[in-house]
Amino acid sequence: MNRAKAITKYVRISPRKARLAAGLIRGLTVSEASIQLDYSQLKGGRLLKKTLDSAVANGENEKDMRREDMRVIEVRIDEGPTLKRAKPRNRGGRHPIMKRTSHFTVVVGEA
């Protein structure tokens, strides 16, 4: 079974929010997954679509797979490094702000 993979790293979205978009496309054909992400209003959907398109292009160019036969086999959203920032509070205190990042991995293969 042929498989093609694409990885996008250091995406500035919280993994928890990105996993909502990933749940929409697990196990779907590539065309259905693309439509799902196009019409979803999630920021993670827009970012994940780029990774999905890259995985499809990798499959077409490197593995000679046809787009019609491809299916989303695996979608993984891993946690990347967190940018730590602070917001000033009263009496000289501070409140931490965690700007989380994600790593996207999309694997497509022939059904």
PDB file of N, CA and C in Angstrom:
ATOM      1  N   MET A   1       0.848  -1.188   0.000  1.00  0.00           N
ATOM      2  CA  MET A   1       0.000   0.000   0.000  1.00  0.00           C
ATOM      3  C   MET A   1       0.886   1.242   0.000  1.00  0.00           C
ATOM      4  N   ASN A   2       0.698   2.076  -1.009  1.00  0.00           N
ATOM      5  CA  ASN A   2       1.469   3.308  -1.121  1.00  0.00           C
ATOM      6  C   ASN A   2       0.957   4.350  -0.141  1.00  0.00           C
ATOM      7  N   ARG A   3       1.889   5.069   0.452  1.00  0.00           N
ATOM      8  CA  ARG A   3       1.543   6.147   1.372  1.00  0.00           C
ATOM      9  C   ARG A   3       2.400   7.357   1.079  1.00  0.00           C
ATOM     10  N   ALA A   4       1.794   8.531   1.235  1.00  0.00           N
ATOM     11  CA  ALA A   4       2.534   9.788   1.091  1.00  0.00           C
ATOM     12  C   ALA A   4       2.266  10.622   2.331  1.00  0.00           C
ATOM     13  N   LYS A   5       3.286  11.382   2.738  1.00  0.00           N
ATOM     14  CA  LYS A   5       3.183  12.104   4.001  1.00  0.00           C
ATOM     15  C   LYS A   5       3.613  13.549   3.815  1.00  0.00           C
ATOM     16  N   ALA A   6       2.982  14.441   4.590  1.00  0.00           N
ATOM     17  CA  ALA A   6       3.396  15.848   4.622  1.00  0.00           C
ATOM     18  C   ALA A   6       3.393  16.296   6.076  1.00  0.00           C
ATOM     19  N   ILE A   7       4.397  17.103   6.431  1.00  0.00           N
ATOM     20  CA  ILE A   7       4.515  17.608   7.795  1.00  0.00           C
ATOM     21  C   ILE A   7       4.640  19.125   7.737  1.00  0.00           C
ATOM     22  N   THR A   8       3.875  19.799   8.574  1.00  0.00           N
ATOM     23  CA  THR A   8       3.993  21.249   8.734  1.00  0.00           C
ATOM     24  C   THR A   8       4.320  21.501  10.196  1.00  0.00           C
ATOM     25  N   LYS A   9       5.397  22.241  10.446  1.00  0.00           N
ATOM     26  CA  LYS A   9       5.833  22.448  11.828  1.00  0.00           C
ATOM     27  C   LYS A   9       5.674  23.901  12.254  1.00  0.00           C
ATOM     28  N   TYR A  10       5.586  24.100  13.546  1.00  0.00           N
ATOM     29  CA  TYR A  10       5.558  25.415  14.186  1.00  0.00           C
ATOM     30  C   TYR A  10       4.389  26.282  13.710  1.00  0.00           C
ATOM     31  N   VAL A  11       3.214  25.691  13.595  1.00  0.00           N
ATOM     32  CA  VAL A  11       2.024  26.437  13.189  1.00  0.00           C
ATOM     33  C   VAL A  11       1.459  27.126  14.422  1.00  0.00           C
ATOM     34  N   ARG A  12       1.169  28.420  14.309  1.00  0.00           N
ATOM     35  CA  ARG A  12       0.746  29.199  15.477  1.00  0.00           C
ATOM     36  C   ARG A  12      -0.744  29.024  15.767  1.00  0.00           C
ATOM     37  N   ILE A  13      -1.095  27.831  16.209  1.00  0.00           N
ATOM     38  CA  ILE A  13      -2.452  27.543  16.664  1.00  0.00           C
ATOM     39  C   ILE A  13      -2.335  26.496  17.768  1.00  0.00           C
ATOM     40  N   SER A  14      -3.198  26.605  18.730  1.00  0.00           N
ATOM     41  CA  SER A  14      -3.186  25.660  19.837  1.00  0.00           C
ATOM     42  C   SER A  14      -3.534  24.252  19.327  1.00  0.00           C
ATOM     43  N   PRO A  15      -2.828  23.211  19.780  1.00  0.00           N
ATOM     44  CA  PRO A  15      -3.123  21.854  19.307  1.00  0.00           C
ATOM     45  C   PRO A  15      -4.562  21.436  19.593  1.00  0.00           C
ATOM     46  N   ARG A  16      -5.104  21.884  20.693  1.00  0.00           N
ATOM     47  CA  ARG A  16      -6.476  21.520  21.053  1.00  0.00           C
ATOM     48  C   ARG A  16      -7.474  22.030  20.022  1.00  0.00           C
ATOM     49  N   LYS A  17      -7.252  23.235  19.534  1.00  0.00           N
ATOM     50  CA  LYS A  17      -8.147  23.809  18.527  1.00  0.00           C
ATOM     51  C   LYS A  17      -7.926  23.164  17.164  1.00  0.00           C
ATOM     52  N   ALA A  18      -6.674  22.841  16.841  1.00  0.00           N
ATOM     53  CA  ALA A  18      -6.375  22.214  15.554  1.00  0.00           C
ATOM     54  C   ALA A  18      -6.937  20.803  15.480  1.00  0.00           C
ATOM     55  N   ARG A  19      -7.002  20.114  16.615  1.00  0.00           N
ATOM     56  CA  ARG A  19      -7.522  18.738  16.619  1.00  0.00           C
ATOM     57  C   ARG A  19      -8.998  18.683  16.278  1.00  0.00           C
ATOM     58  N   LEU A  20      -9.724  19.777  16.496  1.00  0.00           N
ATOM     59  CA  LEU A  20     -11.133  19.822  16.102  1.00  0.00           C
ATOM     60  C   LEU A  20     -11.259  19.696  14.586  1.00  0.00           C
ATOM     61  N   ALA A  21     -10.391  20.380  13.850  1.00  0.00           N
ATOM     62  CA  ALA A  21     -10.402  20.299  12.385  1.00  0.00           C
ATOM     63  C   ALA A  21      -9.906  18.935  11.918  1.00  0.00           C
ATOM     64  N   ALA A  22      -8.922  18.371  12.623  1.00  0.00           N
ATOM     65  CA  ALA A  22      -8.379  17.073  12.234  1.00  0.00           C
ATOM     66  C   ALA A  22      -9.445  15.986  12.354  1.00  0.00           C
ATOM     67  N   GLY A  23     -10.310  16.100  13.344  1.00  0.00           N
ATOM     68  CA  GLY A  23     -11.370  15.118  13.527  1.00  0.00           C
ATOM     69  C   GLY A  23     -12.368  15.096  12.385  1.00  0.00           C
ATOM     70  N   LEU A  24     -12.469  16.206  11.659  1.00  0.00           N
ATOM     71  CA  LEU A  24     -13.418  16.282  10.549  1.00  0.00           C
ATOM     72  C   LEU A  24     -13.011  15.417   9.362  1.00  0.00           C
ATOM     73  N   ILE A  25     -11.707  15.198   9.172  1.00  0.00           N
ATOM     74  CA  ILE A  25     -11.253  14.566   7.931  1.00  0.00           C
ATOM     75  C   ILE A  25     -10.699  13.159   8.099  1.00  0.00           C
ATOM     76  N   ARG A  26     -10.620  12.645   9.310  1.00  0.00           N
ATOM     77  CA  ARG A  26     -10.051  11.304   9.515  1.00  0.00           C
ATOM     78  C   ARG A  26     -10.854  10.247   8.755  1.00  0.00           C
ATOM     79  N   GLY A  27     -10.159   9.463   7.926  1.00  0.00           N
ATOM     80  CA  GLY A  27     -10.800   8.348   7.235  1.00  0.00           C
ATOM     81  C   GLY A  27     -11.553   8.700   5.969  1.00  0.00           C
ATOM     82  N   LEU A  28     -11.621   9.970   5.603  1.00  0.00           N
ATOM     83  CA  LEU A  28     -12.356  10.374   4.409  1.00  0.00           C
ATOM     84  C   LEU A  28     -11.480  10.257   3.167  1.00  0.00           C
ATOM     85  N   THR A  29     -12.128  10.273   2.002  1.00  0.00           N
ATOM     86  CA  THR A  29     -11.360  10.370   0.769  1.00  0.00           C
ATOM     87  C   THR A  29     -10.800  11.778   0.688  1.00  0.00           C
ATOM     88  N   VAL A  30      -9.800  11.968  -0.169  1.00  0.00           N
ATOM     89  CA  VAL A  30      -9.131  13.263  -0.249  1.00  0.00           C
ATOM     90  C   VAL A  30     -10.092  14.359  -0.716  1.00  0.00           C
ATOM     91  N   SER A  31     -10.945  14.040  -1.686  1.00  0.00           N
ATOM     92  CA  SER A  31     -11.877  15.062  -2.190  1.00  0.00           C
ATOM     93  C   SER A  31     -12.885  15.458  -1.116  1.00  0.00           C
ATOM     94  N   GLU A  32     -13.404  14.487  -0.367  1.00  0.00           N
ATOM     95  CA  GLU A  32     -14.352  14.791   0.714  1.00  0.00           C
ATOM     96  C   GLU A  32     -13.683  15.592   1.816  1.00  0.00           C
ATOM     97  N   ALA A  33     -12.447  15.225   2.154  1.00  0.00           N
ATOM     98  CA  ALA A  33     -11.714  15.925   3.201  1.00  0.00           C
ATOM     99  C   ALA A  33     -11.441  17.364   2.795  1.00  0.00           C
ATOM    100  N   SER A  34     -11.096  17.568   1.540  1.00  0.00           N
ATOM    101  CA  SER A  34     -10.821  18.913   1.043  1.00  0.00           C
ATOM    102  C   SER A  34     -12.075  19.789   1.118  1.00  0.00           C
ATOM    103  N   ILE A  35     -13.207  19.222   0.762  1.00  0.00           N
ATOM    104  CA  ILE A  35     -14.474  19.962   0.827  1.00  0.00           C
ATOM    105  C   ILE A  35     -14.825  20.289   2.274  1.00  0.00           C
ATOM    106  N   GLN A  36     -14.632  19.317   3.170  1.00  0.00           N
ATOM    107  CA  GLN A  36     -14.904  19.544   4.598  1.00  0.00           C
ATOM    108  C   GLN A  36     -14.094  20.720   5.130  1.00  0.00           C
ATOM    109  N   LEU A  37     -12.806  20.748   4.794  1.00  0.00           N
ATOM    110  CA  LEU A  37     -11.940  21.806   5.309  1.00  0.00           C
ATOM    111  C   LEU A  37     -12.243  23.148   4.654  1.00  0.00           C
ATOM    112  N   ASP A  38     -12.664  23.123   3.368  1.00  0.00           N
ATOM    113  CA  ASP A  38     -13.022  24.376   2.683  1.00  0.00           C
ATOM    114  C   ASP A  38     -14.200  25.059   3.355  1.00  0.00           C
ATOM    115  N   TYR A  39     -15.205  24.272   3.716  1.00  0.00           N
ATOM    116  CA  TYR A  39     -16.427  24.864   4.248  1.00  0.00           C
ATOM    117  C   TYR A  39     -16.466  24.952   5.763  1.00  0.00           C
ATOM    118  N   SER A  40     -15.447  24.421   6.431  1.00  0.00           N
ATOM    119  CA  SER A  40     -15.393  24.577   7.875  1.00  0.00           C
ATOM    120  C   SER A  40     -14.882  25.986   8.183  1.00  0.00           C
ATOM    121  N   GLN A  41     -15.407  26.594   9.212  1.00  0.00           N
ATOM    122  CA  GLN A  41     -15.019  27.961   9.540  1.00  0.00           C
ATOM    123  C   GLN A  41     -13.926  28.005  10.600  1.00  0.00           C
ATOM    124  N   LEU A  42     -13.240  26.897  10.782  1.00  0.00           N
ATOM    125  CA  LEU A  42     -12.176  26.834  11.776  1.00  0.00           C
ATOM    126  C   LEU A  42     -10.864  27.318  11.174  1.00  0.00           C
ATOM    127  N   LYS A  43     -10.085  28.036  11.963  1.00  0.00           N
ATOM    128  CA  LYS A  43      -8.753  28.456  11.518  1.00  0.00           C
ATOM    129  C   LYS A  43      -7.881  27.229  11.266  1.00  0.00           C
ATOM    130  N   GLY A  44      -8.027  26.232  12.123  1.00  0.00           N
ATOM    131  CA  GLY A  44      -7.261  24.999  11.958  1.00  0.00           C
ATOM    132  C   GLY A  44      -7.588  24.295  10.653  1.00  0.00           C
ATOM    133  N   GLY A  45      -8.806  24.412  10.178  1.00  0.00           N
ATOM    134  CA  GLY A  45      -9.193  23.805   8.911  1.00  0.00           C
ATOM    135  C   GLY A  45      -8.453  24.426   7.747  1.00  0.00           C
ATOM    136  N   ARG A  46      -8.326  25.744   7.782  1.00  0.00           N
ATOM    137  CA  ARG A  46      -7.620  26.458   6.714  1.00  0.00           C
ATOM    138  C   ARG A  46      -6.144  26.058   6.691  1.00  0.00           C
ATOM    139  N   LEU A  47      -5.538  25.948   7.881  1.00  0.00           N
ATOM    140  CA  LEU A  47      -4.121  25.597   7.968  1.00  0.00           C
ATOM    141  C   LEU A  47      -3.871  24.124   7.633  1.00  0.00           C
ATOM    142  N   LEU A  48      -4.803  23.267   8.034  1.00  0.00           N
ATOM    143  CA  LEU A  48      -4.656  21.831   7.792  1.00  0.00           C
ATOM    144  C   LEU A  48      -4.839  21.499   6.316  1.00  0.00           C
ATOM    145  N   LYS A  49      -5.633  22.297   5.609  1.00  0.00           N
ATOM    146  CA  LYS A  49      -5.861  22.062   4.183  1.00  0.00           C
ATOM    147  C   LYS A  49      -4.563  22.194   3.395  1.00  0.00           C
ATOM    148  N   LYS A  50      -3.712  23.129   3.795  1.00  0.00           N
ATOM    149  CA  LYS A  50      -2.418  23.292   3.121  1.00  0.00           C
ATOM    150  C   LYS A  50      -1.572  22.028   3.260  1.00  0.00           C
ATOM    151  N   THR A  51      -1.577  21.449   4.444  1.00  0.00           N
ATOM    152  CA  THR A  51      -0.803  20.236   4.685  1.00  0.00           C
ATOM    153  C   THR A  51      -1.395  19.057   3.918  1.00  0.00           C
ATOM    154  N   LEU A  52      -2.732  18.980   3.868  1.00  0.00           N
ATOM    155  CA  LEU A  52      -3.400  17.920   3.113  1.00  0.00           C
ATOM    156  C   LEU A  52      -3.060  18.032   1.629  1.00  0.00           C
ATOM    157  N   ASP A  53      -3.116  19.245   1.078  1.00  0.00           N
ATOM    158  CA  ASP A  53      -2.786  19.447  -0.337  1.00  0.00           C
ATOM    159  C   ASP A  53      -1.333  19.059  -0.625  1.00  0.00           C
ATOM    160  N   SER A  54      -0.448  19.353   0.309  1.00  0.00           N
ATOM    161  CA  SER A  54       0.953  18.993   0.145  1.00  0.00           C
ATOM    162  C   SER A  54       1.133  17.475   0.134  1.00  0.00           C
ATOM    163  N   ALA A  55       0.422  16.769   1.013  1.00  0.00           N
ATOM    164  CA  ALA A  55       0.512  15.308   1.068  1.00  0.00           C
ATOM    165  C   ALA A  55      -0.016  14.692  -0.224  1.00  0.00           C
ATOM    166  N   VAL A  56      -1.097  15.257  -0.758  1.00  0.00           N
ATOM    167  CA  VAL A  56      -1.667  14.761  -2.016  1.00  0.00           C
ATOM    168  C   VAL A  56      -0.673  14.982  -3.161  1.00  0.00           C
ATOM    169  N   ALA A  57      -0.060  16.168  -3.195  1.00  0.00           N
ATOM    170  CA  ALA A  57       0.920  16.458  -4.242  1.00  0.00           C
ATOM    171  C   ALA A  57       2.129  15.527  -4.125  1.00  0.00           C
ATOM    172  N   ASN A  58       2.558  15.225  -2.901  1.00  0.00           N
ATOM    173  CA  ASN A  58       3.662  14.285  -2.711  1.00  0.00           C
ATOM    174  C   ASN A  58       3.301  12.902  -3.251  1.00  0.00           C
ATOM    175  N   GLY A  59       2.060  12.490  -3.003  1.00  0.00           N
ATOM    176  CA  GLY A  59       1.611  11.187  -3.499  1.00  0.00           C
ATOM    177  C   GLY A  59       1.559  11.131  -5.011  1.00  0.00           C
ATOM    178  N   GLU A  60       1.090  12.209  -5.623  1.00  0.00           N
ATOM    179  CA  GLU A  60       0.978  12.241  -7.084  1.00  0.00           C
ATOM    180  C   GLU A  60       2.352  12.277  -7.746  1.00  0.00           C
ATOM    181  N   ASN A  61       3.259  13.080  -7.196  1.00  0.00           N
ATOM    182  CA  ASN A  61       4.548  13.282  -7.851  1.00  0.00           C
ATOM    183  C   ASN A  61       5.582  12.208  -7.527  1.00  0.00           C
ATOM    184  N   GLU A  62       5.618  11.749  -6.284  1.00  0.00           N
ATOM    185  CA  GLU A  62       6.664  10.819  -5.885  1.00  0.00           C
ATOM    186  C   GLU A  62       6.241   9.359  -5.979  1.00  0.00           C
ATOM    187  N   LYS A  63       4.983   9.074  -5.663  1.00  0.00           N
ATOM    188  CA  LYS A  63       4.527   7.686  -5.591  1.00  0.00           C
ATOM    189  C   LYS A  63       3.626   7.282  -6.755  1.00  0.00           C
ATOM    190  N   ASP A  64       3.357   8.187  -7.692  1.00  0.00           N
ATOM    191  CA  ASP A  64       2.497   7.921  -8.858  1.00  0.00           C
ATOM    192  C   ASP A  64       1.112   7.419  -8.454  1.00  0.00           C
ATOM    193  N   MET A  65       0.536   8.027  -7.425  1.00  0.00           N
ATOM    194  CA  MET A  65      -0.817   7.666  -7.001  1.00  0.00           C
ATOM    195  C   MET A  65      -1.803   8.617  -7.670  1.00  0.00           C
ATOM    196  N   ARG A  66      -3.051   8.153  -7.814  1.00  0.00           N
ATOM    197  CA  ARG A  66      -4.091   8.991  -8.397  1.00  0.00           C
ATOM    198  C   ARG A  66      -4.898   9.633  -7.277  1.00  0.00           C
ATOM    199  N   ARG A  67      -5.235  10.908  -7.460  1.00  0.00           N
ATOM    200  CA  ARG A  67      -5.969  11.669  -6.452  1.00  0.00           C
ATOM    201  C   ARG A  67      -7.314  11.025  -6.112  1.00  0.00           C
ATOM    202  N   GLU A  68      -7.968  10.440  -7.116  1.00  0.00           N
ATOM    203  CA  GLU A  68      -9.296   9.843  -6.898  1.00  0.00           C
ATOM    204  C   GLU A  68      -9.230   8.627  -5.978  1.00  0.00           C
ATOM    205  N   ASP A  69      -8.079   7.948  -5.967  1.00  0.00           N
ATOM    206  CA  ASP A  69      -7.948   6.730  -5.159  1.00  0.00           C
ATOM    207  C   ASP A  69      -7.417   6.993  -3.754  1.00  0.00           C
ATOM    208  N   MET A  70      -7.003   8.230  -3.484  1.00  0.00           N
ATOM    209  CA  MET A  70      -6.364   8.525  -2.196  1.00  0.00           C
ATOM    210  C   MET A  70      -7.386   8.719  -1.078  1.00  0.00           C
ATOM    211  N   ARG A  71      -6.945   8.310   0.118  1.00  0.00           N
ATOM    212  CA  ARG A  71      -7.777   8.419   1.314  1.00  0.00           C
ATOM    213  C   ARG A  71      -6.893   8.928   2.454  1.00  0.00           C
ATOM    214  N   VAL A  72      -7.471   9.692   3.367  1.00  0.00           N
ATOM    215  CA  VAL A  72      -6.720  10.193   4.522  1.00  0.00           C
ATOM    216  C   VAL A  72      -6.570   9.041   5.512  1.00  0.00           C
ATOM    217  N   ILE A  73      -5.343   8.588   5.706  1.00  0.00           N
ATOM    218  CA  ILE A  73      -5.089   7.453   6.594  1.00  0.00           C
ATOM    219  C   ILE A  73      -4.827   7.926   8.015  1.00  0.00           C
ATOM    220  N   GLU A  74      -4.004   8.964   8.138  1.00  0.00           N
ATOM    221  CA  GLU A  74      -3.635   9.428   9.477  1.00  0.00           C
ATOM    222  C   GLU A  74      -3.535  10.942   9.491  1.00  0.00           C
ATOM    223  N   VAL A  75      -4.102  11.550  10.535  1.00  0.00           N
ATOM    224  CA  VAL A  75      -3.935  12.984  10.783  1.00  0.00           C
ATOM    225  C   VAL A  75      -3.494  13.102  12.230  1.00  0.00           C
ATOM    226  N   ARG A  76      -2.316  13.696  12.433  1.00  0.00           N
ATOM    227  CA  ARG A  76      -1.804  13.819  13.793  1.00  0.00           C
ATOM    228  C   ARG A  76      -1.451  15.271  14.058  1.00  0.00           C
ATOM    229  N   ILE A  77      -1.902  15.785  15.189  1.00  0.00           N
ATOM    230  CA  ILE A  77      -1.570  17.141  15.616  1.00  0.00           C
ATOM    231  C   ILE A  77      -0.759  17.012  16.902  1.00  0.00           C
ATOM    232  N   ASP A  78       0.524  17.326  16.816  1.00  0.00           N
ATOM    233  CA  ASP A  78       1.405  17.244  17.978  1.00  0.00           C
ATOM    234  C   ASP A  78       1.681  18.651  18.508  1.00  0.00           C
ATOM    235  N   GLU A  79       2.052  18.712  19.758  1.00  0.00           N
ATOM    236  CA  GLU A  79       2.327  19.999  20.388  1.00  0.00           C
ATOM    237  C   GLU A  79       3.743  20.439  20.064  1.00  0.00           C
ATOM    238  N   GLY A  80       3.885  21.691  19.639  1.00  0.00           N
ATOM    239  CA  GLY A  80       5.197  22.271  19.373  1.00  0.00           C
ATOM    240  C   GLY A  80       5.643  23.085  20.571  1.00  0.00           C
ATOM    241  N   PRO A  81       6.706  23.865  20.409  1.00  0.00           N
ATOM    242  CA  PRO A  81       7.166  24.707  21.518  1.00  0.00           C
ATOM    243  C   PRO A  81       6.164  25.811  21.834  1.00  0.00           C
ATOM    244  N   THR A  82       6.132  26.220  23.088  1.00  0.00           N
ATOM    245  CA  THR A  82       5.218  27.263  23.534  1.00  0.00           C
ATOM    246  C   THR A  82       5.981  28.566  23.714  1.00  0.00           C
ATOM    247  N   LEU A  83       5.455  29.639  23.124  1.00  0.00           N
ATOM    248  CA  LEU A  83       6.034  30.963  23.326  1.00  0.00           C
ATOM    249  C   LEU A  83       5.464  31.518  24.623  1.00  0.00           C
ATOM    250  N   LYS A  84       6.308  31.843  25.576  1.00  0.00           N
ATOM    251  CA  LYS A  84       5.835  32.318  26.876  1.00  0.00           C
ATOM    252  C   LYS A  84       5.906  33.834  26.913  1.00  0.00           C
ATOM    253  N   ARG A  85       4.759  34.451  27.141  1.00  0.00           N
ATOM    254  CA  ARG A  85       4.645  35.902  27.215  1.00  0.00           C
ATOM    255  C   ARG A  85       3.992  36.253  28.551  1.00  0.00           C
ATOM    256  N   ALA A  86       3.974  37.552  28.888  1.00  0.00           N
ATOM    257  CA  ALA A  86       3.374  37.960  30.161  1.00  0.00           C
ATOM    258  C   ALA A  86       2.504  39.180  29.949  1.00  0.00           C
ATOM    259  N   LYS A  87       1.469  39.277  30.781  1.00  0.00           N
ATOM    260  CA  LYS A  87       0.579  40.429  30.760  1.00  0.00           C
ATOM    261  C   LYS A  87       0.676  41.090  32.138  1.00  0.00           C
ATOM    262  N   PRO A  88       0.907  42.388  32.190  1.00  0.00           N
ATOM    263  CA  PRO A  88       1.019  43.052  33.489  1.00  0.00           C
ATOM    264  C   PRO A  88      -0.296  42.985  34.278  1.00  0.00           C
ATOM    265  N   ARG A  89      -0.172  42.795  35.597  1.00  0.00           N
ATOM    266  CA  ARG A  89      -1.336  42.772  36.485  1.00  0.00           C
ATOM    267  C   ARG A  89      -1.138  43.838  37.563  1.00  0.00           C
ATOM    268  N   ASN A  90      -2.093  43.905  38.455  1.00  0.00           N
ATOM    269  CA  ASN A  90      -2.032  44.955  39.484  1.00  0.00           C
ATOM    270  C   ASN A  90      -0.898  44.721  40.483  1.00  0.00           C
ATOM    271  N   ARG A  91      -0.414  45.795  41.086  1.00  0.00           N
ATOM    272  CA  ARG A  91       0.627  45.790  42.109  1.00  0.00           C
ATOM    273  C   ARG A  91       1.896  45.100  41.622  1.00  0.00           C
ATOM    274  N   GLY A  92       2.276  45.330  40.381  1.00  0.00           N
ATOM    275  CA  GLY A  92       3.540  44.826  39.869  1.00  0.00           C
ATOM    276  C   GLY A  92       3.572  43.354  39.538  1.00  0.00           C
ATOM    277  N   GLY A  93       2.420  42.715  39.537  1.00  0.00           N
ATOM    278  CA  GLY A  93       2.384  41.279  39.236  1.00  0.00           C
ATOM    279  C   GLY A  93       2.353  41.045  37.733  1.00  0.00           C
ATOM    280  N   ARG A  94       2.326  39.793  37.377  1.00  0.00           N
ATOM    281  CA  ARG A  94       2.229  39.441  35.964  1.00  0.00           C
ATOM    282  C   ARG A  94       1.386  38.186  35.812  1.00  0.00           C
ATOM    283  N   HIS A  95       0.772  38.070  34.651  1.00  0.00           N
ATOM    284  CA  HIS A  95      -0.056  36.900  34.339  1.00  0.00           C
ATOM    285  C   HIS A  95       0.538  36.237  33.096  1.00  0.00           C
ATOM    286  N   PRO A  96       0.852  34.935  33.164  1.00  0.00           N
ATOM    287  CA  PRO A  96       1.482  34.302  32.001  1.00  0.00           C
ATOM    288  C   PRO A  96       0.502  34.131  30.836  1.00  0.00           C
ATOM    289  N   ILE A  97       1.004  34.331  29.629  1.00  0.00           N
ATOM    290  CA  ILE A  97       0.247  34.075  28.406  1.00  0.00           C
ATOM    291  C   ILE A  97       1.035  33.023  27.639  1.00  0.00           C
ATOM    292  N   MET A  98       0.406  31.882  27.356  1.00  0.00           N
ATOM    293  CA  MET A  98       1.064  30.792  26.655  1.00  0.00           C
ATOM    294  C   MET A  98       0.599  30.794  25.210  1.00  0.00           C
ATOM    295  N   LYS A  99       1.501  31.108  24.299  1.00  0.00           N
ATOM    296  CA  LYS A  99       1.165  31.094  22.877  1.00  0.00           C
ATOM    297  C   LYS A  99       1.639  29.755  22.321  1.00  0.00           C
ATOM    298  N   ARG A 100       0.707  28.840  22.153  1.00  0.00           N
ATOM    299  CA  ARG A 100       1.034  27.465  21.798  1.00  0.00           C
ATOM    300  C   ARG A 100       1.207  27.294  20.293  1.00  0.00           C
ATOM    301  N   THR A 101       2.055  26.343  19.916  1.00  0.00           N
ATOM    302  CA  THR A 101       2.255  26.017  18.512  1.00  0.00           C
ATOM    303  C   THR A 101       1.981  24.536  18.289  1.00  0.00           C
ATOM    304  N   SER A 102       1.789  24.160  17.030  1.00  0.00           N
ATOM    305  CA  SER A 102       1.451  22.784  16.684  1.00  0.00           C
ATOM    306  C   SER A 102       2.311  22.278  15.538  1.00  0.00           C
ATOM    307  N   HIS A 103       2.433  20.968  15.469  1.00  0.00           N
ATOM    308  CA  HIS A 103       3.039  20.285  14.324  1.00  0.00           C
ATOM    309  C   HIS A 103       1.955  19.417  13.698  1.00  0.00           C
ATOM    310  N   PHE A 104       1.697  19.599  12.389  1.00  0.00           N
ATOM    311  CA  PHE A 104       0.680  18.816  11.672  1.00  0.00           C
ATOM    312  C   PHE A 104       1.371  17.711  10.890  1.00  0.00           C
ATOM    313  N   THR A 105       0.801  16.513  10.925  1.00  0.00           N
ATOM    314  CA  THR A 105       1.257  15.403  10.093  1.00  0.00           C
ATOM    315  C   THR A 105       0.039  14.792   9.413  1.00  0.00           C
ATOM    316  N   VAL A 106       0.066  14.716   8.085  1.00  0.00           N
ATOM    317  CA  VAL A 106      -1.030  14.130   7.317  1.00  0.00           C
ATOM    318  C   VAL A 106      -0.450  13.026   6.446  1.00  0.00           C
ATOM    319  N   VAL A 107      -1.052  11.835   6.543  1.00  0.00           N
ATOM    320  CA  VAL A 107      -0.629  10.680   5.728  1.00  0.00           C
ATOM    321  C   VAL A 107      -1.812  10.277   4.867  1.00  0.00           C
ATOM    322  N   VAL A 108      -1.591  10.214   3.539  1.00  0.00           N
ATOM    323  CA  VAL A 108      -2.620   9.748   2.613  1.00  0.00           C
ATOM    324  C   VAL A 108      -2.117   8.487   1.930  1.00  0.00           C
ATOM    325  N   GLY A 109      -3.048   7.635   1.543  1.00  0.00           N
ATOM    326  CA  GLY A 109      -2.670   6.404   0.868  1.00  0.00           C
ATOM    327  C   GLY A 109      -3.807   5.927  -0.019  1.00  0.00           C
ATOM    328  N   GLU A 110      -3.526   4.905  -0.785  1.00  0.00           N
ATOM    329  CA  GLU A 110      -4.541   4.375  -1.681  1.00  0.00           C
ATOM    330  C   GLU A 110      -5.498   3.478  -0.904  1.00  0.00           C
ATOM    331  N   ALA A 111      -6.777   3.626  -1.203  1.00  0.00           N
ATOM    332  CA  ALA A 111      -7.803   2.876  -0.487  1.00  0.00           C
ATOM    333  C   ALA A 111      -7.796   1.416  -0.910  1.00  0.00           C
TER     334      ALA A 111
END
